Protein backbone atom coordinates (compact mmCIF):
# COMPACT_ATOMS: atom_id res chain seq x y z
CA UNK A 1 50.76 -53.05 -14.08
CA UNK A 2 52.96 -50.52 -15.85
CA UNK A 3 53.98 -50.22 -19.48
CA UNK A 4 55.86 -47.72 -21.57
CA UNK A 5 53.63 -47.04 -24.55
CA UNK A 6 53.52 -44.89 -27.67
CA UNK A 7 49.86 -45.18 -28.58
CA UNK A 8 48.02 -43.84 -25.52
CA UNK A 9 48.95 -40.15 -25.78
CA UNK A 10 49.88 -38.81 -29.25
CA UNK A 11 53.55 -37.80 -29.67
CA UNK A 12 54.44 -38.93 -26.15
CA UNK A 13 56.56 -41.75 -24.75
CA UNK A 14 54.20 -42.57 -21.94
CA UNK A 15 54.55 -44.52 -18.72
CA UNK A 16 51.04 -45.94 -18.29
CA UNK A 17 50.06 -47.03 -14.79
CA UNK A 18 46.96 -49.16 -14.16
CA UNK A 19 44.98 -47.89 -11.17
CA UNK A 20 42.95 -50.48 -9.26
CA UNK A 21 39.67 -50.15 -7.36
CA UNK A 22 37.90 -48.99 -10.52
CA UNK A 23 34.31 -47.99 -9.81
CA UNK A 24 33.25 -48.24 -13.45
CA UNK A 25 31.21 -51.09 -14.79
CA UNK A 26 31.91 -50.70 -18.50
CA UNK A 27 30.40 -53.44 -20.66
CA UNK A 28 33.22 -55.32 -22.37
CA UNK A 29 35.87 -53.96 -19.97
CA UNK A 30 39.32 -55.18 -21.05
CA UNK A 31 40.67 -55.10 -17.47
CA UNK A 32 37.92 -56.23 -15.06
CA UNK A 33 40.60 -57.29 -12.54
CA UNK A 34 41.20 -53.57 -11.91
CA UNK A 35 37.86 -53.43 -10.09
CA UNK A 36 39.72 -55.23 -7.28
CA UNK A 37 42.26 -53.83 -4.84
CA UNK A 38 45.36 -55.19 -6.59
CA UNK A 39 48.95 -54.04 -7.01
CA UNK A 40 51.01 -51.73 -4.84
CA UNK A 41 50.23 -48.36 -3.36
CA UNK A 42 51.46 -45.49 -5.52
CA UNK A 43 53.59 -43.76 -2.89
CA UNK A 44 56.09 -41.00 -3.62
CA UNK A 45 58.87 -43.57 -3.41
CA UNK A 46 57.06 -45.87 -5.85
CA UNK A 47 56.52 -42.99 -8.27
CA UNK A 48 60.20 -42.01 -8.04
CA UNK A 49 61.26 -45.63 -8.71
CA UNK A 50 58.92 -46.00 -11.70
CA UNK A 51 60.10 -42.77 -13.27
CA UNK A 52 63.80 -43.49 -12.72
CA UNK A 53 63.41 -47.04 -14.10
CA UNK A 54 61.83 -45.74 -17.31
CA UNK A 55 64.38 -43.30 -18.71
CA UNK A 56 63.17 -41.24 -21.63
CA UNK A 57 59.47 -41.04 -20.80
CA UNK A 58 57.88 -37.63 -21.20
CA UNK A 59 54.38 -38.46 -19.94
CA UNK A 60 52.96 -40.19 -16.86
CA UNK A 61 49.48 -41.62 -17.46
CA UNK A 62 47.02 -42.85 -14.85
CA UNK A 63 44.86 -45.54 -16.47
CA UNK A 64 41.82 -45.06 -14.26
CA UNK A 65 41.05 -43.12 -11.12
CA UNK A 66 40.45 -45.79 -8.50
CA UNK A 67 38.09 -44.99 -5.66
CA UNK A 68 40.23 -42.48 -3.73
CA UNK A 69 40.04 -39.10 -5.46
CA UNK A 70 42.25 -37.44 -2.84
CA UNK A 71 45.04 -40.01 -3.32
CA UNK A 72 44.87 -39.61 -7.12
CA UNK A 73 45.12 -35.82 -6.89
CA UNK A 74 47.95 -36.04 -4.33
CA UNK A 75 49.96 -38.38 -6.58
CA UNK A 76 49.35 -36.14 -9.60
CA UNK A 77 50.39 -33.05 -7.63
CA UNK A 78 53.55 -34.79 -6.44
CA UNK A 79 54.51 -35.67 -10.02
CA UNK A 80 53.70 -32.13 -11.22
CA UNK A 81 55.93 -30.60 -8.52
CA UNK A 82 58.75 -33.16 -8.58
CA UNK A 83 58.92 -33.77 -12.34
CA UNK A 84 57.73 -30.54 -14.00
CA UNK A 85 58.95 -31.63 -17.44
CA UNK A 86 56.63 -34.68 -17.46
CA UNK A 87 53.19 -34.32 -18.98
CA UNK A 88 50.39 -35.81 -16.87
CA UNK A 89 47.52 -37.81 -18.30
CA UNK A 90 44.37 -39.37 -16.91
CA UNK A 91 42.11 -41.91 -18.57
CA UNK A 92 38.79 -41.58 -16.76
CA UNK A 93 35.87 -43.81 -17.57
CA UNK A 94 33.43 -41.17 -16.39
CA UNK A 95 31.31 -38.92 -18.64
CA UNK A 96 32.74 -35.83 -16.95
CA UNK A 97 35.34 -34.99 -14.32
CA UNK A 98 35.80 -32.32 -11.66
CA UNK A 99 37.26 -28.92 -12.56
CA UNK A 100 40.37 -29.62 -10.47
CA UNK A 101 41.26 -32.51 -12.81
CA UNK A 102 41.18 -30.15 -15.80
CA UNK A 103 43.51 -27.84 -13.83
CA UNK A 104 46.13 -30.47 -12.90
CA UNK A 105 46.40 -32.79 -15.91
CA UNK A 106 47.71 -32.12 -19.43
CA UNK A 107 45.65 -34.86 -21.09
CA UNK A 108 42.26 -36.18 -19.97
CA UNK A 109 40.19 -38.93 -21.57
CA UNK A 110 36.53 -39.03 -20.62
CA UNK A 111 33.74 -41.43 -21.44
CA UNK A 112 33.06 -45.02 -20.47
CA UNK A 113 33.91 -47.69 -23.01
CA UNK A 114 30.82 -48.68 -24.98
CA UNK A 115 31.31 -51.68 -27.30
CA UNK A 116 28.68 -50.35 -29.72
CA UNK A 117 30.67 -47.12 -30.15
CA UNK A 118 34.15 -48.61 -30.20
CA UNK A 119 37.46 -47.40 -28.70
CA UNK A 120 39.29 -44.13 -29.38
CA UNK A 121 40.61 -45.33 -32.75
CA UNK A 122 37.07 -45.56 -34.17
CA UNK A 123 35.35 -42.42 -35.43
CA UNK A 124 32.13 -43.69 -33.80
CA UNK A 125 33.64 -43.62 -30.30
CA UNK A 126 31.84 -41.87 -27.48
CA UNK A 127 35.18 -41.36 -25.68
CA UNK A 128 37.15 -38.14 -26.02
CA UNK A 129 40.80 -37.28 -25.35
CA UNK A 130 41.52 -33.64 -24.55
CA UNK A 131 44.83 -31.85 -24.56
CA UNK A 132 44.84 -29.07 -21.99
CA UNK A 133 46.68 -25.80 -22.39
CA UNK A 134 47.20 -23.41 -19.49
CA UNK A 135 46.65 -19.80 -20.44
CA UNK A 136 48.44 -16.80 -18.88
CA UNK A 137 45.22 -15.75 -17.13
CA UNK A 138 45.05 -19.12 -15.34
CA UNK A 139 42.26 -20.53 -17.46
CA UNK A 140 42.59 -23.85 -19.27
CA UNK A 141 41.79 -24.46 -22.93
CA UNK A 142 40.52 -27.95 -23.78
CA UNK A 143 41.33 -29.19 -27.27
CA UNK A 144 39.69 -32.41 -28.43
CA UNK A 145 42.48 -34.50 -30.03
CA UNK A 146 40.53 -37.73 -30.37
CA UNK A 147 40.89 -37.55 -34.17
CA UNK A 148 44.62 -38.22 -33.75
CA UNK A 149 43.75 -41.88 -33.10
CA UNK A 150 41.80 -42.26 -36.33
CA UNK A 151 43.39 -43.78 -39.41
CA UNK A 152 44.35 -40.56 -41.15
CA UNK A 153 44.36 -38.26 -38.14
CA UNK A 154 42.12 -35.77 -39.91
CA UNK A 155 40.69 -33.09 -37.66
CA UNK A 156 36.95 -33.13 -38.49
CA UNK A 157 36.65 -29.42 -37.62
CA UNK A 158 39.06 -28.61 -40.46
CA UNK A 159 37.14 -30.47 -43.19
């Protein structure tokens, strides 16, 4: 499933793509059907069609990782090379992700959904959304922007 959304990545008009074959078992999962092998393969041609059919987007978001890390990274690299003006996002349900993910994506959400903690728009959430900035020396700075989902968008580090 694909949707153009405003609320997944702050300040971005985002094409959100559900990725199937999810290996997570989050309690209260809102999309348990994504644990199955459903939908179409995300080939270069499919990516090109999705992007051309959704004029005006400035972010491409993978909602999940599936069970084929190599295929995910290949699709992300293709988008990065073919559409350099698009930001790339990944919503991972894992506690942490590999270094190469921090190097390729512009936005990364980590943390499994826990009903007792709530989603990103609750200050009690265990999930975190990071904006990544590439530095001239090749390093990446991770900035936690989870607070942008909270009612007033107040950065707790500035209080």
